Amino acid sequence: MTTDNAPAQEDDLPEQLRIRREKRASLLERGIEPYPVAVARTKSLSEIRDKYVGLETDIATGDIESLTGRIIFKRDTGKLCFATLREGDGTELQAMLSLDKVGEAQLDAWKSDIDLGDIVSVTGEIITSKRGELSILANSWTLASKSLRPLPNDHKPMSEETRVRMRYVDLIVRPEARSAARMRPNVMRSLRETFNNQSFIEVETPMLQVMHGGAAARPFKTFSNAYDMDLYMRIAPELFLKRCVVGGIERVFEINRNFRNEGADSSHSPEFAMVESYMAYGDWRTIADLTRSLIQNAAVAVSGSHVVTHHDGREADLGGNWKEISLYDAISEGVGEQVTALTPIDELTKYATKLGMKIDPKWLTGKLAEEIFEHVAKDKLVEPTFVMGYPVDTSPLVRAHRELPGMVEKWDLYVDGFELATGYSELIDPVIQRNRLVEQAQLGAKGDLEAMQVDEDFLRAMEFGMPPMGGMGMGVDRLLMALTGLGIRETILFPLVKPEVD
């Protein structure tokens, strides 16, 4: 039997963990709380850094403060001990504990009880050392939280898998992790400001849906006990946002979580953040302008200009008007033959086979064309590029191209070789939309797990009159990828990972 004050018997613990648990037990035996409800804290370390910037060497300010931080460096000598405190944003400050200030008992306790990783509160005078280091010279100290596990060794960095699995440790030890975590809210704020400046209204739509729609993707399925019915996790908010436009919210957006039961790799996550918006009386051109503004303003928010610096030092210029290419022109160049939206599937199959591609017999003509494009062109699209004009059979919610048969007015935006956003001139004719969704349902009946269903309520909304509009969707995690050069698992704070295997 164990109690709150006695750790479980774990004789096989590694030595570091065992020693720290013994220190916890010793503290409790001496009546010292290793996890107090509160400790003294008058200012943050960053506030101290800001207040005393430029302070000369070997100065005693006379200012007494109580500061907190995690110990990430500790050097104990005879009568004077040094430690580096670090707070959550990475700000550091030196703490000095001297025999004449704290007394022998407190100094000995510091040496014996305190380890790297512990969080402490130190009260004392703000000074600069003889080497000019801004410091707090302790009069007293208190343990705020005892760390029972050692921090990773600086000489042996954590693997990517460990960083993702233990993001809390990653945030403690790695500046890049802290920077990425703090960049996201700046990007979110910028997105909302750009939308607000163009009179968009933010809404929230359901994550649990009675049928999936709004994208070609395989959904996650769940079950509601209260309603005794199957439900789907949202793959896209599109059909609900379009209902908003029907109802008169003519410029609408949502920043949301979506769930797609598909593969996971450097640019795909089963759970991801997306921004999606619709603009009444716009089209794929006006929505492209909006998307460019969203991305460029986000770049300015995090880097001060349209040029962003990636984690590896490479600079990426997101400024100016971006290049446009035709999907079918890119395919034609890649296969060495003229390909259009009317090219038969037999010919596309011949080209794909020649390229050494694996072909799924369930693919529609348009799907095969898109796969060929991905194979021959996407890795070349490093600078921001709008790929214009997609096949109609893979875009059931998009308006037919006003000039080119077999195509819809859809673009995909590529940056650094991955798709960042997509935009459309939206289909608003409810009769055509019903026919498109019926075709999707027939594909679903034949085993296409990504096919949409016939959403009667959505069609009913359209029948009340939907204004002409442009729509777009952009992955927020992928926007962070474009701004930082990181993989998607590094831009998501806590991505899904498989359980550890003993």
Protein backbone atom coordinates (compact mmCIF):
# COMPACT_ATOMS: atom_id res chain seq x y z
CA MET A 1 0.00 0.00 0.00
CA THR A 2 1.23 3.52 -0.83
CA THR A 3 0.28 6.96 0.40
CA ASP A 4 0.64 10.46 -1.02
CA ASN A 5 3.85 10.84 0.95
CA ALA A 6 5.42 7.53 -0.04
CA PRO A 7 6.35 6.66 -3.60
CA ALA A 8 5.54 3.24 -4.98
CA GLN A 9 8.23 0.62 -4.59
CA GLU A 10 10.13 0.66 -7.88
CA ASP A 11 13.37 -1.13 -7.20
CA ASP A 12 14.25 -1.34 -10.88
CA LEU A 13 14.22 2.45 -11.46
CA PRO A 14 17.31 3.94 -13.09
CA GLU A 15 19.67 5.47 -10.57
CA GLN A 16 18.86 9.11 -11.41
CA LEU A 17 15.13 8.53 -10.92
CA ARG A 18 15.70 6.57 -7.71
CA ILE A 19 17.94 9.27 -6.19
CA ARG A 20 15.45 12.03 -6.97
CA ARG A 21 12.60 10.07 -5.42
CA GLU A 22 14.73 9.56 -2.33
CA LYS A 23 15.29 13.33 -2.17
CA ARG A 24 11.54 13.88 -2.38
CA ALA A 25 10.99 11.47 0.49
CA SER A 26 13.73 13.15 2.53
CA LEU A 27 12.13 16.57 2.02
CA LEU A 28 8.79 15.28 3.25
CA GLU A 29 10.40 13.66 6.29
CA ARG A 30 11.94 17.04 7.20
CA GLY A 31 8.59 18.77 6.83
CA ILE A 32 9.52 20.53 3.55
CA GLU A 33 6.84 20.55 0.86
CA PRO A 34 8.39 19.59 -2.52
CA TYR A 35 5.22 20.74 -4.34
CA PRO A 36 3.90 23.83 -2.47
CA VAL A 37 0.63 25.45 -3.41
CA ALA A 38 2.35 28.82 -3.95
CA VAL A 39 5.78 30.46 -3.84
CA ALA A 40 6.96 34.06 -3.82
CA ARG A 41 7.16 35.70 -7.26
CA THR A 42 7.18 39.46 -7.78
CA LYS A 43 8.35 39.71 -11.40
CA SER A 44 9.10 37.51 -14.38
CA LEU A 45 12.68 37.02 -15.55
CA SER A 46 11.90 38.86 -18.78
CA GLU A 47 10.63 41.86 -16.79
CA ILE A 48 13.89 41.91 -14.85
CA ARG A 49 15.90 41.65 -18.08
CA ASP A 50 13.95 44.55 -19.59
CA LYS A 51 14.16 46.74 -16.49
CA TYR A 52 17.90 46.40 -15.97
CA VAL A 53 19.15 46.26 -19.55
CA GLY A 54 22.57 47.90 -19.87
CA LEU A 55 23.34 47.83 -16.13
CA GLU A 56 27.07 48.32 -15.52
CA THR A 57 29.41 45.68 -14.10
CA ASP A 58 29.52 44.95 -10.34
CA ILE A 59 26.44 46.98 -9.38
CA ALA A 60 24.13 46.38 -6.43
CA THR A 61 20.74 47.93 -7.22
CA GLY A 62 19.22 47.61 -3.76
CA ASP A 63 16.07 46.22 -5.38
CA ILE A 64 14.71 43.08 -3.74
CA GLU A 65 12.66 40.71 -5.91
CA SER A 66 11.32 37.18 -5.79
CA LEU A 67 11.94 35.33 -9.05
CA THR A 68 11.08 31.85 -10.24
CA GLY A 69 12.56 29.58 -12.88
CA ARG A 70 13.66 26.10 -13.81
CA ILE A 71 17.30 25.30 -13.04
CA ILE A 72 19.10 24.44 -16.26
CA PHE A 73 22.65 24.96 -14.96
CA LYS A 74 24.06 24.53 -11.45
CA ARG A 75 27.59 24.94 -10.08
CA ASP A 76 28.21 24.42 -6.40
CA THR A 77 31.43 25.61 -4.78
CA GLY A 78 32.41 26.09 -1.17
CA LYS A 79 30.85 29.38 -0.09
CA LEU A 80 29.25 30.54 -3.36
CA CYS A 81 26.86 28.64 -5.63
CA PHE A 82 25.70 29.61 -9.10
CA ALA A 83 22.62 28.54 -11.05
CA THR A 84 20.87 29.57 -14.25
CA LEU A 85 17.11 30.00 -14.01
CA ARG A 86 14.97 29.70 -17.13
CA GLU A 87 11.30 30.60 -17.50
CA GLY A 88 8.81 29.41 -20.09
CA ASP A 89 9.68 31.81 -22.91
CA GLY A 90 13.37 30.90 -22.63
CA THR A 91 14.51 33.98 -20.70
CA GLU A 92 17.38 33.14 -18.38
CA LEU A 93 18.91 34.79 -15.33
CA GLN A 94 21.77 33.88 -13.05
CA ALA A 95 21.10 33.14 -9.38
CA MET A 96 23.90 33.42 -6.81
CA LEU A 97 23.74 31.92 -3.33
CA SER A 98 26.44 32.89 -0.87
CA LEU A 99 27.12 31.57 2.62
CA ASP A 100 26.95 35.00 4.24
CA LYS A 101 23.55 35.77 2.69
CA VAL A 102 21.58 32.52 3.05
CA GLY A 103 23.40 30.82 5.89
CA GLU A 104 25.05 27.43 6.15
CA ALA A 105 21.85 25.39 6.49
CA GLN A 106 20.20 26.90 3.42
CA LEU A 107 23.38 26.65 1.35
CA ASP A 108 23.89 22.99 2.29
CA ALA A 109 20.25 22.24 1.51
CA TRP A 110 20.63 23.88 -1.91
CA LYS A 111 23.64 21.72 -2.65
CA SER A 112 22.02 18.47 -1.52
CA ASP A 113 18.33 18.87 -2.37
CA ILE A 114 18.30 20.80 -5.65
CA ASP A 115 18.88 19.18 -9.04
CA LEU A 116 18.84 20.31 -12.66
CA GLY A 117 15.24 20.59 -13.79
CA ASP A 118 13.88 21.65 -10.40
CA ILE A 119 11.74 24.81 -10.31
CA VAL A 120 12.65 27.23 -7.54
CA SER A 121 11.76 30.62 -6.13
CA VAL A 122 14.69 32.85 -5.21
CA THR A 123 14.35 36.07 -3.20
CA GLY A 124 17.19 38.56 -3.15
CA GLU A 125 18.84 41.67 -4.54
CA ILE A 126 19.20 42.33 -8.25
CA ILE A 127 22.89 42.88 -9.02
CA THR A 128 25.46 42.54 -11.73
CA SER A 129 28.37 40.21 -11.04
CA LYS A 130 32.05 41.06 -11.39
CA ARG A 131 31.80 39.62 -14.89
CA GLY A 132 28.83 41.85 -15.69
CA GLU A 133 26.18 39.10 -15.52
CA LEU A 134 22.75 40.31 -14.43
CA SER A 135 21.91 38.19 -11.38
CA ILE A 136 19.81 37.78 -8.31
CA LEU A 137 21.86 37.47 -5.10
CA ALA A 138 19.73 35.27 -2.89
CA ASN A 139 18.68 36.05 0.64
CA SER A 140 16.47 32.93 0.64
CA TRP A 141 15.10 30.30 -1.70
CA THR A 142 12.19 27.87 -1.85
CA LEU A 143 11.61 24.75 -3.90
CA ALA A 144 8.57 25.27 -6.17
CA SER A 145 8.50 21.83 -7.82
CA LYS A 146 10.85 18.87 -7.53
CA SER A 147 11.75 17.27 -10.87
CA LEU A 148 11.79 13.50 -10.53
CA ARG A 149 13.33 13.02 -13.97
CA PRO A 150 16.58 14.48 -15.30
CA LEU A 151 16.55 16.76 -18.33
CA PRO A 152 18.11 15.44 -21.56
CA ASN A 153 21.86 15.76 -21.88
CA ASP A 154 22.95 18.67 -24.09
CA HIS A 155 25.50 16.40 -25.73
CA LYS A 156 22.83 13.90 -26.81
CA PRO A 157 19.88 15.75 -28.40
CA MET A 158 16.48 14.10 -28.39
CA SER A 159 15.35 12.34 -31.56
CA GLU A 160 12.42 13.77 -33.51
CA GLU A 161 10.19 10.95 -32.28
CA THR A 162 11.09 11.71 -28.65
CA ARG A 163 10.61 15.45 -29.16
CA VAL A 164 7.11 14.86 -30.55
CA ARG A 165 6.19 12.32 -27.87
CA MET A 166 7.52 14.44 -24.98
CA ARG A 167 6.82 17.93 -26.26
CA TYR A 168 6.80 19.23 -22.69
CA VAL A 169 10.50 18.37 -22.42
CA ASP A 170 11.16 19.67 -25.93
CA LEU A 171 9.72 23.04 -24.89
CA ILE A 172 11.98 23.13 -21.84
CA VAL A 173 15.25 22.39 -23.60
CA ARG A 174 14.96 23.51 -27.23
CA PRO A 175 14.59 27.18 -28.29
CA GLU A 176 13.20 26.16 -31.70
CA ALA A 177 10.31 24.34 -30.04
CA ARG A 178 9.47 27.37 -27.91
CA SER A 179 9.66 29.63 -30.95
CA ALA A 180 7.33 27.42 -33.01
CA ALA A 181 4.78 27.22 -30.17
CA ARG A 182 4.75 31.00 -29.77
CA MET A 183 4.62 31.63 -33.52
CA ARG A 184 1.25 29.91 -33.95
CA PRO A 185 -0.81 32.42 -31.89
CA ASN A 186 0.85 35.28 -33.79
CA VAL A 187 -0.20 33.64 -37.07
CA MET A 188 -3.74 33.05 -35.77
CA ARG A 189 -4.00 36.68 -34.69
CA SER A 190 -2.80 37.84 -38.10
CA LEU A 191 -5.31 35.65 -39.93
CA ARG A 192 -8.18 37.02 -37.86
CA GLU A 193 -7.01 40.62 -38.35
CA THR A 194 -6.83 40.18 -42.13
CA PHE A 195 -10.33 38.73 -42.21
CA ASN A 196 -11.66 41.42 -39.87
CA ASN A 197 -10.17 44.18 -42.02
CA GLN A 198 -12.14 42.79 -44.98
CA SER A 199 -15.42 42.53 -43.03
CA PHE A 200 -15.48 38.74 -42.61
CA ILE A 201 -17.39 37.23 -39.69
CA GLU A 202 -15.96 34.31 -37.73
CA VAL A 203 -18.32 31.44 -36.91
CA GLU A 204 -18.13 27.97 -35.40
CA THR A 205 -19.66 24.93 -37.10
CA PRO A 206 -20.15 21.35 -35.86
CA MET A 207 -17.29 18.91 -35.46
CA LEU A 208 -19.75 16.04 -35.06
CA GLN A 209 -21.84 15.59 -38.19
CA VAL A 210 -24.56 13.16 -39.26
CA MET A 211 -22.86 12.84 -42.65
CA HIS A 212 -19.46 13.78 -43.95
CA GLY A 213 -18.94 16.22 -46.79
CA GLY A 214 -17.06 19.26 -48.02
CA ALA A 215 -13.96 17.37 -49.15
CA ALA A 216 -12.87 14.12 -50.75
CA ALA A 217 -11.51 12.38 -47.67
CA ARG A 218 -12.07 9.29 -45.57
CA PRO A 219 -13.77 10.27 -42.29
CA PHE A 220 -13.43 9.08 -38.71
CA LYS A 221 -16.60 7.43 -37.48
CA THR A 222 -17.97 7.61 -33.94
CA PHE A 223 -21.20 6.86 -32.08
CA SER A 224 -23.52 9.05 -30.01
CA ASN A 225 -25.05 7.26 -27.02
CA ALA A 226 -27.51 10.12 -26.43
CA TYR A 227 -28.86 10.03 -29.99
CA ASP A 228 -28.24 6.30 -30.56
CA MET A 229 -26.73 6.98 -33.95
CA ASP A 230 -23.46 6.93 -35.89
CA LEU A 231 -21.72 10.26 -36.38
CA TYR A 232 -18.71 11.45 -38.33
CA MET A 233 -15.85 13.68 -37.26
CA ARG A 234 -15.69 16.75 -39.49
CA ILE A 235 -13.47 16.49 -42.56
CA ALA A 236 -14.27 20.08 -43.63
CA PRO A 237 -16.67 22.86 -42.55
CA GLU A 238 -17.58 23.80 -46.14
CA LEU A 239 -21.24 22.77 -46.26
CA PHE A 240 -22.08 24.58 -43.02
CA LEU A 241 -20.19 27.73 -43.98
CA LYS A 242 -22.10 27.81 -47.28
CA ARG A 243 -25.32 27.56 -45.28
CA CYS A 244 -24.14 30.72 -43.48
CA VAL A 245 -23.77 32.51 -46.82
CA VAL A 246 -27.31 31.47 -47.80
CA GLY A 247 -28.48 32.96 -44.51
CA GLY A 248 -26.86 36.32 -45.23
CA ILE A 249 -23.43 36.03 -43.55
CA GLU A 250 -21.90 36.90 -46.88
CA ARG A 251 -18.26 36.98 -45.77
CA VAL A 252 -17.62 34.15 -43.38
CA PHE A 253 -14.64 32.21 -42.06
CA GLU A 254 -13.80 29.56 -39.51
CA ILE A 255 -10.53 28.41 -37.96
CA ASN A 256 -11.21 24.85 -36.99
CA ARG A 257 -10.01 21.32 -36.28
CA ASN A 258 -10.60 18.73 -38.99
CA PHE A 259 -10.15 14.97 -38.88
CA ARG A 260 -9.29 12.75 -41.85
CA ASN A 261 -8.77 9.03 -41.49
CA GLU A 262 -5.92 8.91 -43.98
CA GLY A 263 -2.14 8.57 -44.09
CA ALA A 264 0.30 10.47 -41.90
CA ASP A 265 3.60 11.82 -43.23
CA SER A 266 5.72 14.98 -43.25
CA SER A 267 2.80 17.07 -44.58
CA HIS A 268 -0.28 15.11 -43.41
CA SER A 269 -1.77 14.67 -39.94
CA PRO A 270 -5.02 12.83 -39.07
CA GLU A 271 -6.05 15.83 -36.93
CA PHE A 272 -5.16 19.26 -38.28
CA ALA A 273 -6.10 22.93 -38.14
CA MET A 274 -7.68 24.63 -41.13
CA VAL A 275 -8.91 28.08 -41.99
CA GLU A 276 -11.80 28.09 -44.46
CA SER A 277 -13.68 31.11 -45.80
CA TYR A 278 -16.36 32.11 -48.31
CA MET A 279 -16.91 35.45 -50.02
CA ALA A 280 -20.26 36.22 -51.62
CA TYR A 281 -19.96 37.84 -55.05
CA GLY A 282 -16.36 36.70 -55.31
CA ASP A 283 -14.78 33.95 -57.43
CA TRP A 284 -11.58 31.95 -57.62
CA ARG A 285 -9.63 35.07 -58.56
CA THR A 286 -10.79 37.28 -55.69
CA ILE A 287 -10.35 34.42 -53.22
CA ALA A 288 -6.78 33.95 -54.52
CA ASP A 289 -6.09 37.62 -53.71
CA LEU A 290 -7.49 37.10 -50.21
CA THR A 291 -5.36 33.99 -49.67
CA ARG A 292 -2.21 35.79 -50.75
CA SER A 293 -2.99 38.60 -48.30
CA LEU A 294 -3.55 36.13 -45.48
CA ILE A 295 -0.19 34.45 -46.05
CA GLN A 296 1.82 37.60 -46.66
CA ASN A 297 0.36 39.32 -43.59
CA ALA A 298 1.19 36.24 -41.51
CA ALA A 299 4.77 36.40 -42.78
CA VAL A 300 5.02 40.02 -41.68
CA ALA A 301 3.55 39.12 -38.28
CA VAL A 302 6.26 36.55 -37.57
CA SER A 303 9.29 37.95 -39.42
CA GLY A 304 8.62 41.62 -40.07
CA SER A 305 8.64 41.20 -43.86
CA HIS A 306 7.46 38.93 -46.67
CA VAL A 307 10.84 37.18 -46.53
CA VAL A 308 10.86 34.45 -43.89
CA THR A 309 13.87 32.54 -42.58
CA HIS A 310 13.43 28.80 -42.23
CA HIS A 311 14.84 26.74 -39.37
CA ASP A 312 17.80 25.67 -41.54
CA GLY A 313 18.69 29.27 -42.43
CA ARG A 314 17.15 29.26 -45.91
CA GLU A 315 15.22 32.39 -46.83
CA ALA A 316 11.87 32.16 -48.63
CA ASP A 317 10.31 35.16 -50.34
CA LEU A 318 6.52 35.11 -50.08
CA GLY A 319 6.08 38.64 -51.42
CA GLY A 320 4.78 40.03 -54.69
CA ASN A 321 2.24 38.54 -57.10
CA TRP A 322 2.65 34.79 -57.31
CA LYS A 323 3.23 32.66 -60.38
CA GLU A 324 0.33 30.84 -62.04
CA ILE A 325 0.52 27.65 -64.08
CA SER A 326 -2.11 25.45 -65.70
CA LEU A 327 -2.56 21.97 -64.21
CA TYR A 328 -2.90 20.40 -67.65
CA ASP A 329 0.02 22.38 -69.11
CA ALA A 330 2.17 21.05 -66.26
CA ILE A 331 1.00 17.49 -66.96
CA SER A 332 1.67 17.92 -70.68
CA GLU A 333 5.20 19.14 -70.01
CA GLY A 334 5.80 16.27 -67.59
CA VAL A 335 4.67 13.48 -69.95
CA GLY A 336 5.87 15.05 -73.19
CA GLU A 337 2.42 14.90 -74.81
CA GLN A 338 -0.54 17.28 -75.02
CA VAL A 339 -2.98 16.49 -72.22
CA THR A 340 -6.31 18.22 -71.57
CA ALA A 341 -9.32 17.66 -69.32
CA LEU A 342 -10.86 15.69 -72.20
CA THR A 343 -7.94 13.27 -72.59
CA PRO A 344 -9.35 9.72 -72.16
CA ILE A 345 -8.37 7.65 -69.14
CA ASP A 346 -6.73 5.02 -71.38
CA GLU A 347 -4.21 7.57 -72.62
CA LEU A 348 -3.58 8.86 -69.08
CA THR A 349 -3.01 5.29 -67.94
CA LYS A 350 -0.44 4.84 -70.69
CA TYR A 351 1.43 7.96 -69.57
CA ALA A 352 1.28 6.95 -65.90
CA THR A 353 2.57 3.46 -66.65
CA LYS A 354 5.46 4.92 -68.64
CA LEU A 355 6.31 7.08 -65.60
CA GLY A 356 6.41 3.98 -63.41
CA MET A 357 3.42 5.04 -61.30
CA LYS A 358 1.21 2.65 -59.37
CA ILE A 359 -2.36 3.04 -60.58
CA ASP A 360 -5.47 2.36 -58.53
CA PRO A 361 -8.16 0.90 -60.84
CA LYS A 362 -10.81 2.82 -58.86
CA TRP A 363 -9.38 6.19 -59.87
CA LEU A 364 -11.55 8.43 -62.02
CA THR A 365 -10.07 10.14 -65.05
CA GLY A 366 -9.57 13.38 -63.14
CA LYS A 367 -8.02 11.64 -60.14
CA LEU A 368 -5.47 9.93 -62.40
CA ALA A 369 -4.66 13.29 -64.01
CA GLU A 370 -4.06 14.84 -60.57
CA GLU A 371 -1.84 11.93 -59.55
CA ILE A 372 0.24 12.36 -62.70
CA PHE A 373 0.59 16.06 -61.91
CA GLU A 374 1.76 15.27 -58.36
CA HIS A 375 4.30 12.82 -59.79
CA VAL A 376 5.82 15.10 -62.42
CA ALA A 377 5.43 18.64 -61.10
CA LYS A 378 4.80 19.23 -57.40
CA ASP A 379 8.43 18.94 -56.26
CA LYS A 380 9.37 21.71 -58.69
CA LEU A 381 6.89 24.17 -57.14
CA VAL A 382 9.12 25.75 -54.50
CA GLU A 383 8.17 29.40 -54.90
CA PRO A 384 4.46 30.18 -54.24
CA THR A 385 2.52 28.99 -57.31
CA PHE A 386 -1.19 28.84 -58.10
CA VAL A 387 -1.96 25.70 -60.10
CA MET A 388 -5.07 26.62 -62.07
CA GLY A 389 -7.93 24.54 -63.51
CA TYR A 390 -8.82 21.10 -62.12
CA PRO A 391 -10.93 18.21 -63.50
CA VAL A 392 -14.66 18.37 -62.85
CA ASP A 393 -15.04 14.77 -61.67
CA THR A 394 -12.81 15.36 -58.59
CA SER A 395 -14.41 18.68 -57.66
CA PRO A 396 -18.13 18.07 -57.04
CA LEU A 397 -18.72 21.34 -55.15
CA VAL A 398 -17.01 23.65 -57.66
CA ARG A 399 -18.44 25.67 -60.58
CA ALA A 400 -17.58 24.50 -64.09
CA HIS A 401 -14.88 26.53 -65.84
CA ARG A 402 -16.53 29.32 -67.81
CA GLU A 403 -14.35 28.65 -70.89
CA LEU A 404 -12.65 25.22 -70.76
CA PRO A 405 -14.79 22.05 -70.96
CA GLY A 406 -14.20 19.27 -68.43
CA MET A 407 -12.64 21.63 -65.91
CA VAL A 408 -13.73 23.63 -62.88
CA GLU A 409 -12.55 26.99 -61.59
CA LYS A 410 -10.33 25.63 -58.89
CA TRP A 411 -6.72 26.37 -57.96
CA ASP A 412 -4.29 24.74 -55.57
CA LEU A 413 -1.53 26.84 -54.04
CA TYR A 414 1.84 25.10 -53.78
CA VAL A 415 4.78 26.29 -51.66
CA ASP A 416 7.99 24.33 -51.08
CA GLY A 417 6.56 21.40 -53.00
CA PHE A 418 3.42 20.88 -50.90
CA GLU A 419 -0.17 22.02 -51.26
CA LEU A 420 -0.84 24.89 -48.87
CA ALA A 421 -4.32 26.07 -49.86
CA THR A 422 -7.09 25.54 -52.37
CA GLY A 423 -9.70 27.93 -53.76
CA TYR A 424 -12.75 27.87 -56.00
CA SER A 425 -15.54 29.59 -57.78
CA GLU A 426 -18.32 27.82 -55.90
CA LEU A 427 -21.13 25.84 -57.51
CA ILE A 428 -24.42 27.50 -56.57
CA ASP A 429 -26.92 25.74 -58.87
CA PRO A 430 -28.80 23.26 -56.61
CA VAL A 431 -29.89 21.05 -59.52
CA ILE A 432 -26.35 20.54 -60.79
CA GLN A 433 -25.15 20.14 -57.22
CA ARG A 434 -27.68 17.37 -56.58
CA ASN A 435 -26.54 15.54 -59.69
CA ARG A 436 -22.90 15.84 -58.62
CA LEU A 437 -23.65 14.51 -55.12
CA VAL A 438 -25.70 11.61 -56.51
CA GLU A 439 -22.69 10.68 -58.64
CA GLN A 440 -20.54 10.83 -55.49
CA ALA A 441 -22.98 8.59 -53.61
CA GLN A 442 -22.83 6.06 -56.45
CA LEU A 443 -19.02 6.04 -56.19
CA GLY A 444 -19.36 5.50 -52.46
CA ALA A 445 -21.66 2.55 -53.06
CA LYS A 446 -18.93 1.04 -55.25
CA GLY A 447 -16.40 1.25 -52.40
CA ASP A 448 -14.91 4.76 -52.71
CA LEU A 449 -14.32 5.63 -49.03
CA GLU A 450 -13.61 9.29 -49.86
CA ALA A 451 -16.81 9.93 -51.82
CA MET A 452 -19.32 12.44 -50.46
CA GLN A 453 -22.89 11.69 -49.49
CA VAL A 454 -26.13 13.35 -50.62
CA ASP A 455 -26.75 15.99 -47.98
CA GLU A 456 -30.44 16.82 -48.37
CA ASP A 457 -30.39 19.67 -45.87
CA PHE A 458 -27.48 21.32 -47.67
CA LEU A 459 -29.32 21.00 -50.98
CA ARG A 460 -32.44 22.46 -49.39
CA ALA A 461 -30.39 25.44 -48.23
CA MET A 462 -29.07 25.94 -51.76
CA GLU A 463 -32.64 25.88 -53.09
CA PHE A 464 -33.38 29.04 -51.09
CA GLY A 465 -30.81 30.83 -53.28
CA MET A 466 -27.04 30.91 -52.82
CA PRO A 467 -25.23 34.00 -54.15
CA PRO A 468 -22.22 33.67 -56.46
CA MET A 469 -19.11 33.27 -54.32
CA GLY A 470 -15.49 32.23 -54.01
CA GLY A 471 -14.26 29.89 -51.30
CA MET A 472 -10.91 28.76 -49.95
CA GLY A 473 -9.38 26.39 -47.43
CA MET A 474 -5.84 26.50 -46.03
CA GLY A 475 -4.07 24.26 -43.56
CA VAL A 476 -2.86 26.33 -40.61
CA ASP A 477 -0.21 23.73 -39.74
CA ARG A 478 0.97 23.85 -43.34
CA LEU A 479 1.08 27.64 -43.20
CA LEU A 480 3.48 27.25 -40.27
CA MET A 481 5.47 24.83 -42.46
CA ALA A 482 5.73 27.49 -45.18
CA LEU A 483 6.88 30.07 -42.64
CA THR A 484 9.43 27.85 -40.87
CA GLY A 485 10.43 25.03 -43.22
CA LEU A 486 9.52 22.50 -40.50
CA GLY A 487 7.60 19.27 -41.01
CA ILE A 488 3.97 19.14 -39.93
CA ARG A 489 4.68 17.22 -36.70
CA GLU A 490 6.93 20.08 -35.58
CA THR A 491 4.27 22.74 -36.25
CA ILE A 492 1.58 20.88 -34.28
CA LEU A 493 2.19 21.14 -30.56
CA PHE A 494 0.88 17.66 -29.73
CA PRO A 495 0.48 15.59 -32.90
CA LEU A 496 -1.02 12.12 -32.70
CA VAL A 497 1.61 9.47 -31.90
CA LYS A 498 1.27 5.76 -31.34
CA PRO A 499 1.45 4.56 -27.71
CA GLU A 500 4.88 3.57 -26.48
CA VAL A 501 5.63 -0.13 -26.55
CA ASP A 502 7.32 -1.54 -23.44
